[in-house]
């Protein structure tokens, strides 16, 4: 049995859909960040899959995915630092309560 592109793209699409749903419906900043990371991971899966099926002997998709994972890790560390500072001021990390920090 040969694996086609759909065996990889369907779970990636489901992951991305769950990430978008979580990003839109959640009010907690940590949950929004987790949903964003889920979307980024599904895109990384797509990079690897398309590199594997379109250019089987080359590694550009793999290297681009590793670079994207490193950028996502840095983005997560910065976002968590911002969320910690917001929690220190507001004592809550819900999106609805962040209007206090407007000015």
PDB file of N, CA and C in Angstrom:
ATOM      1  N   UNK A   1       0.837  -1.179   0.000  1.00  0.00           N
ATOM      2  CA  UNK A   1       0.000   0.000   0.000  1.00  0.00           C
ATOM      3  C   UNK A   1       0.884   1.244   0.000  1.00  0.00           C
ATOM      4  N   UNK A   2       0.660   2.083  -0.957  1.00  0.00           N
ATOM      5  CA  UNK A   2       1.469   3.288  -1.072  1.00  0.00           C
ATOM      6  C   UNK A   2       0.754   4.466  -0.424  1.00  0.00           C
ATOM      7  N   UNK A   3       1.513   5.218   0.322  1.00  0.00           N
ATOM      8  CA  UNK A   3       0.947   6.381   0.983  1.00  0.00           C
ATOM      9  C   UNK A   3       0.907   7.555   0.018  1.00  0.00           C
ATOM     10  N   UNK A   4      -0.222   8.184  -0.069  1.00  0.00           N
ATOM     11  CA  UNK A   4      -0.347   9.349  -0.930  1.00  0.00           C
ATOM     12  C   UNK A   4      -0.276  10.612  -0.084  1.00  0.00           C
ATOM     13  N   UNK A   5      -0.345  11.727  -0.770  1.00  0.00           N
ATOM     14  CA  UNK A   5      -0.256  13.016  -0.085  1.00  0.00           C
ATOM     15  C   UNK A   5      -1.435  13.221   0.863  1.00  0.00           C
ATOM     16  N   UNK A   6      -2.585  12.671   0.512  1.00  0.00           N
ATOM     17  CA  UNK A   6      -3.782  12.880   1.338  1.00  0.00           C
ATOM     18  C   UNK A   6      -3.660  12.265   2.723  1.00  0.00           C
ATOM     19  N   UNK A   7      -2.880  11.183   2.850  1.00  0.00           N
ATOM     20  CA  UNK A   7      -2.699  10.574   4.169  1.00  0.00           C
ATOM     21  C   UNK A   7      -1.983  11.524   5.131  1.00  0.00           C
ATOM     22  N   UNK A   8      -1.256  12.481   4.588  1.00  0.00           N
ATOM     23  CA  UNK A   8      -0.561  13.463   5.421  1.00  0.00           C
ATOM     24  C   UNK A   8      -1.312  14.781   5.501  1.00  0.00           C
ATOM     25  N   UNK A   9      -1.983  15.148   4.417  1.00  0.00           N
ATOM     26  CA  UNK A   9      -2.635  16.452   4.390  1.00  0.00           C
ATOM     27  C   UNK A   9      -3.941  16.483   5.183  1.00  0.00           C
ATOM     28  N   UNK A  10      -4.653  15.365   5.243  1.00  0.00           N
ATOM     29  CA  UNK A  10      -5.907  15.339   6.007  1.00  0.00           C
ATOM     30  C   UNK A  10      -5.656  15.576   7.500  1.00  0.00           C
ATOM     31  N   UNK A  11      -4.713  14.874   8.153  1.00  0.00           N
ATOM     32  CA  UNK A  11      -4.453  15.203   9.569  1.00  0.00           C
ATOM     33  C   UNK A  11      -3.923  16.625   9.764  1.00  0.00           C
ATOM     34  N   UNK A  12      -3.133  17.096   8.799  1.00  0.00           N
ATOM     35  CA  UNK A  12      -2.637  18.463   8.891  1.00  0.00           C
ATOM     36  C   UNK A  12      -3.777  19.465   8.775  1.00  0.00           C
ATOM     37  N   UNK A  13      -4.725  19.192   7.905  1.00  0.00           N
ATOM     38  CA  UNK A  13      -5.897  20.058   7.768  1.00  0.00           C
ATOM     39  C   UNK A  13      -6.745  20.040   9.038  1.00  0.00           C
ATOM     40  N   UNK A  14      -6.887  18.876   9.634  1.00  0.00           N
ATOM     41  CA  UNK A  14      -7.650  18.773  10.887  1.00  0.00           C
ATOM     42  C   UNK A  14      -6.945  19.549  12.003  1.00  0.00           C
ATOM     43  N   UNK A  15      -5.621  19.423  12.071  1.00  0.00           N
ATOM     44  CA  UNK A  15      -4.855  20.172  13.070  1.00  0.00           C
ATOM     45  C   UNK A  15      -5.014  21.675  12.871  1.00  0.00           C
ATOM     46  N   UNK A  16      -4.924  22.117  11.614  1.00  0.00           N
ATOM     47  CA  UNK A  16      -5.045  23.540  11.340  1.00  0.00           C
ATOM     48  C   UNK A  16      -6.449  24.038  11.676  1.00  0.00           C
ATOM     49  N   UNK A  17      -7.460  23.248  11.346  1.00  0.00           N
ATOM     50  CA  UNK A  17      -8.834  23.624  11.676  1.00  0.00           C
ATOM     51  C   UNK A  17      -9.060  23.725  13.171  1.00  0.00           C
ATOM     52  N   UNK A  18      -8.507  22.777  13.926  1.00  0.00           N
ATOM     53  CA  UNK A  18      -8.618  22.839  15.392  1.00  0.00           C
ATOM     54  C   UNK A  18      -7.900  24.068  15.942  1.00  0.00           C
ATOM     55  N   UNK A  19      -6.757  24.405  15.345  1.00  0.00           N
ATOM     56  CA  UNK A  19      -6.028  25.592  15.775  1.00  0.00           C
ATOM     57  C   UNK A  19      -6.794  26.871  15.502  1.00  0.00           C
ATOM     58  N   UNK A  20      -7.394  26.971  14.322  1.00  0.00           N
ATOM     59  CA  UNK A  20      -8.189  28.162  13.991  1.00  0.00           C
ATOM     60  C   UNK A  20      -9.403  28.262  14.917  1.00  0.00           C
ATOM     61  N   UNK A  21     -10.069  27.138  15.142  1.00  0.00           N
ATOM     62  CA  UNK A  21     -11.229  27.138  16.042  1.00  0.00           C
ATOM     63  C   UNK A  21     -10.828  27.576  17.455  1.00  0.00           C
ATOM     64  N   UNK A  22      -9.713  27.035  17.955  1.00  0.00           N
ATOM     65  CA  UNK A  22      -9.254  27.418  19.285  1.00  0.00           C
ATOM     66  C   UNK A  22      -8.823  28.869  19.356  1.00  0.00           C
ATOM     67  N   UNK A  23      -8.209  29.364  18.292  1.00  0.00           N
ATOM     68  CA  UNK A  23      -7.757  30.755  18.262  1.00  0.00           C
ATOM     69  C   UNK A  23      -8.934  31.715  18.281  1.00  0.00           C
ATOM     70  N   UNK A  24      -9.999  31.354  17.593  1.00  0.00           N
ATOM     71  CA  UNK A  24     -11.152  32.248  17.503  1.00  0.00           C
ATOM     72  C   UNK A  24     -12.023  32.175  18.759  1.00  0.00           C
ATOM     73  N   UNK A  25     -12.179  30.994  19.338  1.00  0.00           N
ATOM     74  CA  UNK A  25     -13.146  30.830  20.432  1.00  0.00           C
ATOM     75  C   UNK A  25     -12.579  31.019  21.828  1.00  0.00           C
ATOM     76  N   UNK A  26     -11.294  30.895  22.024  1.00  0.00           N
ATOM     77  CA  UNK A  26     -10.725  30.979  23.376  1.00  0.00           C
ATOM     78  C   UNK A  26     -10.583  32.416  23.833  1.00  0.00           C
ATOM     79  N   UNK A  27     -10.634  32.610  25.139  1.00  0.00           N
ATOM     80  CA  UNK A  27     -10.458  33.936  25.725  1.00  0.00           C
ATOM     81  C   UNK A  27      -9.194  34.023  26.562  1.00  0.00           C
ATOM     82  N   UNK A  28      -8.597  32.891  26.861  1.00  0.00           N
ATOM     83  CA  UNK A  28      -7.376  32.842  27.646  1.00  0.00           C
ATOM     84  C   UNK A  28      -6.183  32.973  26.706  1.00  0.00           C
ATOM     85  N   UNK A  29      -5.222  33.822  27.056  1.00  0.00           N
ATOM     86  CA  UNK A  29      -4.070  34.046  26.176  1.00  0.00           C
ATOM     87  C   UNK A  29      -3.212  32.796  26.007  1.00  0.00           C
ATOM     88  N   UNK A  30      -3.104  31.975  27.028  1.00  0.00           N
ATOM     89  CA  UNK A  30      -2.311  30.749  26.926  1.00  0.00           C
ATOM     90  C   UNK A  30      -2.975  29.788  25.945  1.00  0.00           C
ATOM     91  N   UNK A  31      -4.284  29.659  25.996  1.00  0.00           N
ATOM     92  CA  UNK A  31      -5.001  28.788  25.060  1.00  0.00           C
ATOM     93  C   UNK A  31      -4.896  29.310  23.629  1.00  0.00           C
ATOM     94  N   UNK A  32      -4.919  30.622  23.462  1.00  0.00           N
ATOM     95  CA  UNK A  32      -4.747  31.202  22.136  1.00  0.00           C
ATOM     96  C   UNK A  32      -3.345  30.909  21.613  1.00  0.00           C
ATOM     97  N   UNK A  33      -2.351  30.996  22.471  1.00  0.00           N
ATOM     98  CA  UNK A  33      -0.974  30.692  22.071  1.00  0.00           C
ATOM     99  C   UNK A  33      -0.818  29.223  21.686  1.00  0.00           C
ATOM    100  N   UNK A  34      -1.450  28.329  22.427  1.00  0.00           N
ATOM    101  CA  UNK A  34      -1.398  26.903  22.093  1.00  0.00           C
ATOM    102  C   UNK A  34      -2.073  26.645  20.755  1.00  0.00           C
ATOM    103  N   UNK A  35      -3.172  27.311  20.488  1.00  0.00           N
ATOM    104  CA  UNK A  35      -3.850  27.155  19.204  1.00  0.00           C
ATOM    105  C   UNK A  35      -2.989  27.673  18.056  1.00  0.00           C
ATOM    106  N   UNK A  36      -2.301  28.764  18.289  1.00  0.00           N
ATOM    107  CA  UNK A  36      -1.398  29.298  17.268  1.00  0.00           C
ATOM    108  C   UNK A  36      -0.254  28.324  16.986  1.00  0.00           C
ATOM    109  N   UNK A  37       0.278  27.710  18.018  1.00  0.00           N
ATOM    110  CA  UNK A  37       1.342  26.719  17.826  1.00  0.00           C
ATOM    111  C   UNK A  37       0.834  25.489  17.079  1.00  0.00           C
ATOM    112  N   UNK A  38      -0.403  25.106  17.319  1.00  0.00           N
ATOM    113  CA  UNK A  38      -0.995  23.990  16.596  1.00  0.00           C
ATOM    114  C   UNK A  38      -1.094  24.303  15.109  1.00  0.00           C
ATOM    115  N   UNK A  39      -1.473  25.525  14.786  1.00  0.00           N
ATOM    116  CA  UNK A  39      -1.533  25.921  13.379  1.00  0.00           C
ATOM    117  C   UNK A  39      -0.144  25.934  12.742  1.00  0.00           C
ATOM    118  N   UNK A  40       0.851  26.423  13.467  1.00  0.00           N
ATOM    119  CA  UNK A  40       2.212  26.449  12.923  1.00  0.00           C
ATOM    120  C   UNK A  40       2.757  25.043  12.711  1.00  0.00           C
ATOM    121  N   UNK A  41       2.437  24.120  13.603  1.00  0.00           N
ATOM    122  CA  UNK A  41       2.897  22.741  13.434  1.00  0.00           C
ATOM    123  C   UNK A  41       2.235  22.067  12.240  1.00  0.00           C
ATOM    124  N   UNK A  42       0.987  22.378  11.978  1.00  0.00           N
ATOM    125  CA  UNK A  42       0.341  21.788  10.805  1.00  0.00           C
ATOM    126  C   UNK A  42       0.965  22.329   9.515  1.00  0.00           C
ATOM    127  N   UNK A  43       1.358  23.580   9.509  1.00  0.00           N
ATOM    128  CA  UNK A  43       2.042  24.140   8.339  1.00  0.00           C
ATOM    129  C   UNK A  43       3.407  23.483   8.166  1.00  0.00           C
ATOM    130  N   UNK A  44       4.100  23.209   9.252  1.00  0.00           N
ATOM    131  CA  UNK A  44       5.387  22.514   9.160  1.00  0.00           C
ATOM    132  C   UNK A  44       5.228  21.117   8.567  1.00  0.00           C
ATOM    133  N   UNK A  45       4.163  20.430   8.927  1.00  0.00           N
ATOM    134  CA  UNK A  45       3.894  19.119   8.325  1.00  0.00           C
ATOM    135  C   UNK A  45       3.701  19.256   6.818  1.00  0.00           C
ATOM    136  N   UNK A  46       2.995  20.295   6.400  1.00  0.00           N
ATOM    137  CA  UNK A  46       2.795  20.517   4.967  1.00  0.00           C
ATOM    138  C   UNK A  46       4.106  20.794   4.245  1.00  0.00           C
ATOM    139  N   UNK A  47       5.010  21.558   4.863  1.00  0.00           N
ATOM    140  CA  UNK A  47       6.310  21.809   4.251  1.00  0.00           C
ATOM    141  C   UNK A  47       7.053  20.503   3.995  1.00  0.00           C
ATOM    142  N   UNK A  48       7.066  19.635   4.975  1.00  0.00           N
ATOM    143  CA  UNK A  48       7.786  18.373   4.844  1.00  0.00           C
ATOM    144  C   UNK A  48       7.130  17.472   3.803  1.00  0.00           C
ATOM    145  N   UNK A  49       5.820  17.401   3.813  1.00  0.00           N
ATOM    146  CA  UNK A  49       5.104  16.530   2.881  1.00  0.00           C
ATOM    147  C   UNK A  49       5.309  16.979   1.445  1.00  0.00           C
ATOM    148  N   UNK A  50       5.158  18.266   1.192  1.00  0.00           N
ATOM    149  CA  UNK A  50       5.325  18.736  -0.183  1.00  0.00           C
ATOM    150  C   UNK A  50       6.770  18.616  -0.650  1.00  0.00           C
ATOM    151  N   UNK A  51       7.724  18.793   0.244  1.00  0.00           N
ATOM    152  CA  UNK A  51       9.117  18.564  -0.139  1.00  0.00           C
ATOM    153  C   UNK A  51       9.353  17.100  -0.460  1.00  0.00           C
ATOM    154  N   UNK A  52       8.776  16.224   0.315  1.00  0.00           N
ATOM    155  CA  UNK A  52       8.970  14.778   0.120  1.00  0.00           C
ATOM    156  C   UNK A  52       8.371  14.296  -1.201  1.00  0.00           C
ATOM    157  N   UNK A  53       7.196  14.804  -1.548  1.00  0.00           N
ATOM    158  CA  UNK A  53       6.522  14.324  -2.745  1.00  0.00           C
ATOM    159  C   UNK A  53       6.912  15.086  -4.010  1.00  0.00           C
ATOM    160  N   UNK A  54       7.273  16.352  -3.908  1.00  0.00           N
ATOM    161  CA  UNK A  54       7.634  17.111  -5.104  1.00  0.00           C
ATOM    162  C   UNK A  54       9.115  17.027  -5.433  1.00  0.00           C
ATOM    163  N   UNK A  55       9.961  17.046  -4.417  1.00  0.00           N
ATOM    164  CA  UNK A  55      11.407  16.983  -4.613  1.00  0.00           C
ATOM    165  C   UNK A  55      11.994  15.924  -3.680  1.00  0.00           C
ATOM    166  N   UNK A  56      11.863  14.632  -4.030  1.00  0.00           N
ATOM    167  CA  UNK A  56      12.225  13.569  -3.078  1.00  0.00           C
ATOM    168  C   UNK A  56      13.700  13.531  -2.688  1.00  0.00           C
ATOM    169  N   UNK A  57      14.580  13.974  -3.547  1.00  0.00           N
ATOM    170  CA  UNK A  57      16.000  13.870  -3.224  1.00  0.00           C
ATOM    171  C   UNK A  57      16.570  15.086  -2.541  1.00  0.00           C
ATOM    172  N   UNK A  58      15.787  16.097  -2.310  1.00  0.00           N
ATOM    173  CA  UNK A  58      16.301  17.345  -1.756  1.00  0.00           C
ATOM    174  C   UNK A  58      15.784  17.558  -0.339  1.00  0.00           C
ATOM    175  N   UNK A  59      16.446  18.443   0.371  1.00  0.00           N
ATOM    176  CA  UNK A  59      16.142  18.629   1.796  1.00  0.00           C
ATOM    177  C   UNK A  59      15.695  20.053   2.145  1.00  0.00           C
ATOM    178  N   UNK A  60      15.334  20.857   1.154  1.00  0.00           N
ATOM    179  CA  UNK A  60      14.993  22.247   1.447  1.00  0.00           C
ATOM    180  C   UNK A  60      13.766  22.360   2.348  1.00  0.00           C
ATOM    181  N   UNK A  61      12.768  21.542   2.137  1.00  0.00           N
ATOM    182  CA  UNK A  61      11.573  21.585   2.977  1.00  0.00           C
ATOM    183  C   UNK A  61      11.875  21.217   4.417  1.00  0.00           C
ATOM    184  N   UNK A  62      12.778  20.267   4.600  1.00  0.00           N
ATOM    185  CA  UNK A  62      13.160  19.862   5.961  1.00  0.00           C
ATOM    186  C   UNK A  62      13.893  21.002   6.677  1.00  0.00           C
ATOM    187  N   UNK A  63      14.822  21.647   5.964  1.00  0.00           N
ATOM    188  CA  UNK A  63      15.566  22.743   6.576  1.00  0.00           C
ATOM    189  C   UNK A  63      14.659  23.930   6.864  1.00  0.00           C
ATOM    190  N   UNK A  64      13.733  24.204   5.949  1.00  0.00           N
ATOM    191  CA  UNK A  64      12.800  25.300   6.173  1.00  0.00           C
ATOM    192  C   UNK A  64      11.903  24.993   7.373  1.00  0.00           C
ATOM    193  N   UNK A  65      11.526  23.743   7.525  1.00  0.00           N
ATOM    194  CA  UNK A  65      10.709  23.347   8.676  1.00  0.00           C
ATOM    195  C   UNK A  65      11.484  23.507   9.979  1.00  0.00           C
ATOM    196  N   UNK A  66      12.748  23.109   9.992  1.00  0.00           N
ATOM    197  CA  UNK A  66      13.564  23.294  11.201  1.00  0.00           C
ATOM    198  C   UNK A  66      13.710  24.773  11.539  1.00  0.00           C
ATOM    199  N   UNK A  67      13.885  25.597  10.523  1.00  0.00           N
ATOM    200  CA  UNK A  67      13.967  27.040  10.739  1.00  0.00           C
ATOM    201  C   UNK A  67      12.647  27.568  11.282  1.00  0.00           C
ATOM    202  N   UNK A  68      11.533  27.104  10.747  1.00  0.00           N
ATOM    203  CA  UNK A  68      10.215  27.547  11.217  1.00  0.00           C
ATOM    204  C   UNK A  68       9.967  27.104  12.657  1.00  0.00           C
ATOM    205  N   UNK A  69      10.428  25.909  13.025  1.00  0.00           N
ATOM    206  CA  UNK A  69      10.284  25.444  14.407  1.00  0.00           C
ATOM    207  C   UNK A  69      11.099  26.316  15.357  1.00  0.00           C
ATOM    208  N   UNK A  70      12.297  26.707  14.935  1.00  0.00           N
ATOM    209  CA  UNK A  70      13.122  27.578  15.773  1.00  0.00           C
ATOM    210  C   UNK A  70      12.477  28.949  15.942  1.00  0.00           C
ATOM    211  N   UNK A  71      11.924  29.484  14.875  1.00  0.00           N
ATOM    212  CA  UNK A  71      11.234  30.779  14.967  1.00  0.00           C
ATOM    213  C   UNK A  71       9.998  30.655  15.863  1.00  0.00           C
ATOM    214  N   UNK A  72       9.263  29.543  15.760  1.00  0.00           N
ATOM    215  CA  UNK A  72       8.083  29.338  16.596  1.00  0.00           C
ATOM    216  C   UNK A  72       8.465  29.230  18.071  1.00  0.00           C
ATOM    217  N   UNK A  73       9.599  28.598  18.358  1.00  0.00           N
ATOM    218  CA  UNK A  73      10.053  28.498  19.749  1.00  0.00           C
ATOM    219  C   UNK A  73      10.402  29.878  20.307  1.00  0.00           C
ATOM    220  N   UNK A  74      11.071  30.694  19.504  1.00  0.00           N
ATOM    221  CA  UNK A  74      11.404  32.052  19.947  1.00  0.00           C
ATOM    222  C   UNK A  74      10.139  32.889  20.130  1.00  0.00           C
ATOM    223  N   UNK A  75       9.191  32.721  19.223  1.00  0.00           N
ATOM    224  CA  UNK A  75       7.922  33.446  19.325  1.00  0.00           C
ATOM    225  C   UNK A  75       7.165  33.031  20.575  1.00  0.00           C
ATOM    226  N   UNK A  76       7.189  31.760  20.900  1.00  0.00           N
ATOM    227  CA  UNK A  76       6.506  31.267  22.094  1.00  0.00           C
ATOM    228  C   UNK A  76       7.152  31.814  23.366  1.00  0.00           C
ATOM    229  N   UNK A  77       8.467  31.834  23.398  1.00  0.00           N
ATOM    230  CA  UNK A  77       9.160  32.364  24.575  1.00  0.00           C
ATOM    231  C   UNK A  77       8.842  33.840  24.771  1.00  0.00           C
ATOM    232  N   UNK A  78       8.821  34.601  23.690  1.00  0.00           N
ATOM    233  CA  UNK A  78       8.491  36.021  23.791  1.00  0.00           C
ATOM    234  C   UNK A  78       7.034  36.224  24.199  1.00  0.00           C
ATOM    235  N   UNK A  79       6.128  35.435  23.646  1.00  0.00           N
ATOM    236  CA  UNK A  79       4.712  35.556  23.989  1.00  0.00           C
ATOM    237  C   UNK A  79       4.467  35.200  25.451  1.00  0.00           C
ATOM    238  N   UNK A  80       5.131  34.175  25.949  1.00  0.00           N
ATOM    239  CA  UNK A  80       4.962  33.806  27.359  1.00  0.00           C
ATOM    240  C   UNK A  80       5.502  34.899  28.272  1.00  0.00           C
ATOM    241  N   UNK A  81       6.605  35.533  27.890  1.00  0.00           N
ATOM    242  CA  UNK A  81       7.132  36.648  28.678  1.00  0.00           C
ATOM    243  C   UNK A  81       6.141  37.807  28.713  1.00  0.00           C
ATOM    244  N   UNK A  82       5.518  38.093  27.582  1.00  0.00           N
ATOM    245  CA  UNK A  82       4.510  39.161  27.541  1.00  0.00           C
ATOM    246  C   UNK A  82       3.297  38.786  28.383  1.00  0.00           C
ATOM    247  N   UNK A  83       2.874  37.543  28.304  1.00  0.00           N
ATOM    248  CA  UNK A  83       1.718  37.090  29.088  1.00  0.00           C
ATOM    249  C   UNK A  83       2.018  37.156  30.581  1.00  0.00           C
ATOM    250  N   UNK A  84       3.231  36.828  30.984  1.00  0.00           N
ATOM    251  CA  UNK A  84       3.602  36.925  32.402  1.00  0.00           C
ATOM    252  C   UNK A  84       3.550  38.371  32.872  1.00  0.00           C
ATOM    253  N   UNK A  85       4.039  39.303  32.051  1.00  0.00           N
ATOM    254  CA  UNK A  85       3.970  40.721  32.427  1.00  0.00           C
ATOM    255  C   UNK A  85       2.533  41.216  32.487  1.00  0.00           C
ATOM    256  N   UNK A  86       1.687  40.763  31.578  1.00  0.00           N
ATOM    257  CA  UNK A  86       0.271  41.126  31.629  1.00  0.00           C
ATOM    258  C   UNK A  86      -0.370  40.585  32.908  1.00  0.00           C
ATOM    259  N   UNK A  87      -0.021  39.359  33.279  1.00  0.00           N
ATOM    260  CA  UNK A  87      -0.592  38.767  34.489  1.00  0.00           C
ATOM    261  C   UNK A  87      -0.161  39.535  35.736  1.00  0.00           C
ATOM    262  N   UNK A  88       1.071  40.031  35.742  1.00  0.00           N
ATOM    263  CA  UNK A  88       1.534  40.799  36.900  1.00  0.00           C
ATOM    264  C   UNK A  88       0.752  42.089  37.081  1.00  0.00           C
ATOM    265  N   UNK A  89       0.348  42.706  35.987  1.00  0.00           N
ATOM    266  CA  UNK A  89      -0.369  43.979  36.083  1.00  0.00           C
ATOM    267  C   UNK A  89      -1.861  43.757  36.316  1.00  0.00           C
ATOM    268  N   UNK A  90      -2.473  42.885  35.518  1.00  0.00           N
ATOM    269  CA  UNK A  90      -3.929  42.743  35.526  1.00  0.00           C
ATOM    270  C   UNK A  90      -4.400  41.642  36.470  1.00  0.00           C
ATOM    271  N   UNK A  91      -3.533  40.689  36.798  1.00  0.00           N
ATOM    272  CA  UNK A  91      -3.865  39.516  37.615  1.00  0.00           C
ATOM    273  C   UNK A  91      -4.833  38.570  36.915  1.00  0.00           C
ATOM    274  N   UNK A  92      -4.865  38.632  35.593  1.00  0.00           N
ATOM    275  CA  UNK A  92      -5.737  37.778  34.795  1.00  0.00           C
ATOM    276  C   UNK A  92      -5.169  37.743  33.377  1.00  0.00           C
ATOM    277  N   UNK A  93      -5.380  36.641  32.661  1.00  0.00           N
ATOM    278  CA  UNK A  93      -4.877  36.550  31.291  1.00  0.00           C
ATOM    279  C   UNK A  93      -6.013  36.357  30.290  1.00  0.00           C
ATOM    280  N   UNK A  94      -7.210  36.802  30.643  1.00  0.00           N
ATOM    281  CA  UNK A  94      -8.313  36.757  29.692  1.00  0.00           C
ATOM    282  C   UNK A  94      -8.232  37.953  28.754  1.00  0.00           C
ATOM    283  N   UNK A  95      -8.599  37.730  27.519  1.00  0.00           N
ATOM    284  CA  UNK A  95      -8.498  38.773  26.508  1.00  0.00           C
ATOM    285  C   UNK A  95      -9.462  39.914  26.794  1.00  0.00           C
ATOM    286  N   UNK A  96     -10.617  39.605  27.359  1.00  0.00           N
ATOM    287  CA  UNK A  96     -11.612  40.640  27.625  1.00  0.00           C
ATOM    288  C   UNK A  96     -11.148  41.655  28.662  1.00  0.00           C
ATOM    289  N   UNK A  97     -10.256  41.275  29.542  1.00  0.00           N
ATOM    290  CA  UNK A  97      -9.816  42.155  30.621  1.00  0.00           C
ATOM    291  C   UNK A  97      -8.573  42.967  30.264  1.00  0.00           C
ATOM    292  N   UNK A  98      -8.104  42.880  29.042  1.00  0.00           N
ATOM    293  CA  UNK A  98      -6.868  43.563  28.689  1.00  0.00           C
ATOM    294  C   UNK A  98      -7.069  45.004  28.267  1.00  0.00           C
ATOM    295  N   UNK A  99      -8.273  45.496  28.287  1.00  0.00           N
ATOM    296  CA  UNK A  99      -8.497  46.899  27.950  1.00  0.00           C
ATOM    297  C   UNK A  99      -7.969  47.825  29.039  1.00  0.00           C
ATOM    298  N   UNK A 100      -7.685  47.307  30.220  1.00  0.00           N
ATOM    299  CA  UNK A 100      -7.108  48.104  31.303  1.00  0.00           C
ATOM    300  C   UNK A 100      -5.708  48.583  30.945  1.00  0.00           C
ATOM    301  N   UNK A 101      -4.999  47.837  30.111  1.00  0.00           N
ATOM    302  CA  UNK A 101      -3.618  48.182  29.765  1.00  0.00           C
ATOM    303  C   UNK A 101      -3.537  49.038  28.506  1.00  0.00           C
ATOM    304  N   UNK A 102      -4.641  49.599  28.097  1.00  0.00           N
ATOM    305  CA  UNK A 102      -4.658  50.351  26.848  1.00  0.00           C
ATOM    306  C   UNK A 102      -3.766  51.586  26.921  1.00  0.00           C
ATOM    307  N   UNK A 103      -3.774  52.297  28.058  1.00  0.00           N
ATOM    308  CA  UNK A 103      -2.969  53.508  28.165  1.00  0.00           C
ATOM    309  C   UNK A 103      -1.978  53.408  29.282  1.00  0.00           C
TER     310      UNK A 103
END
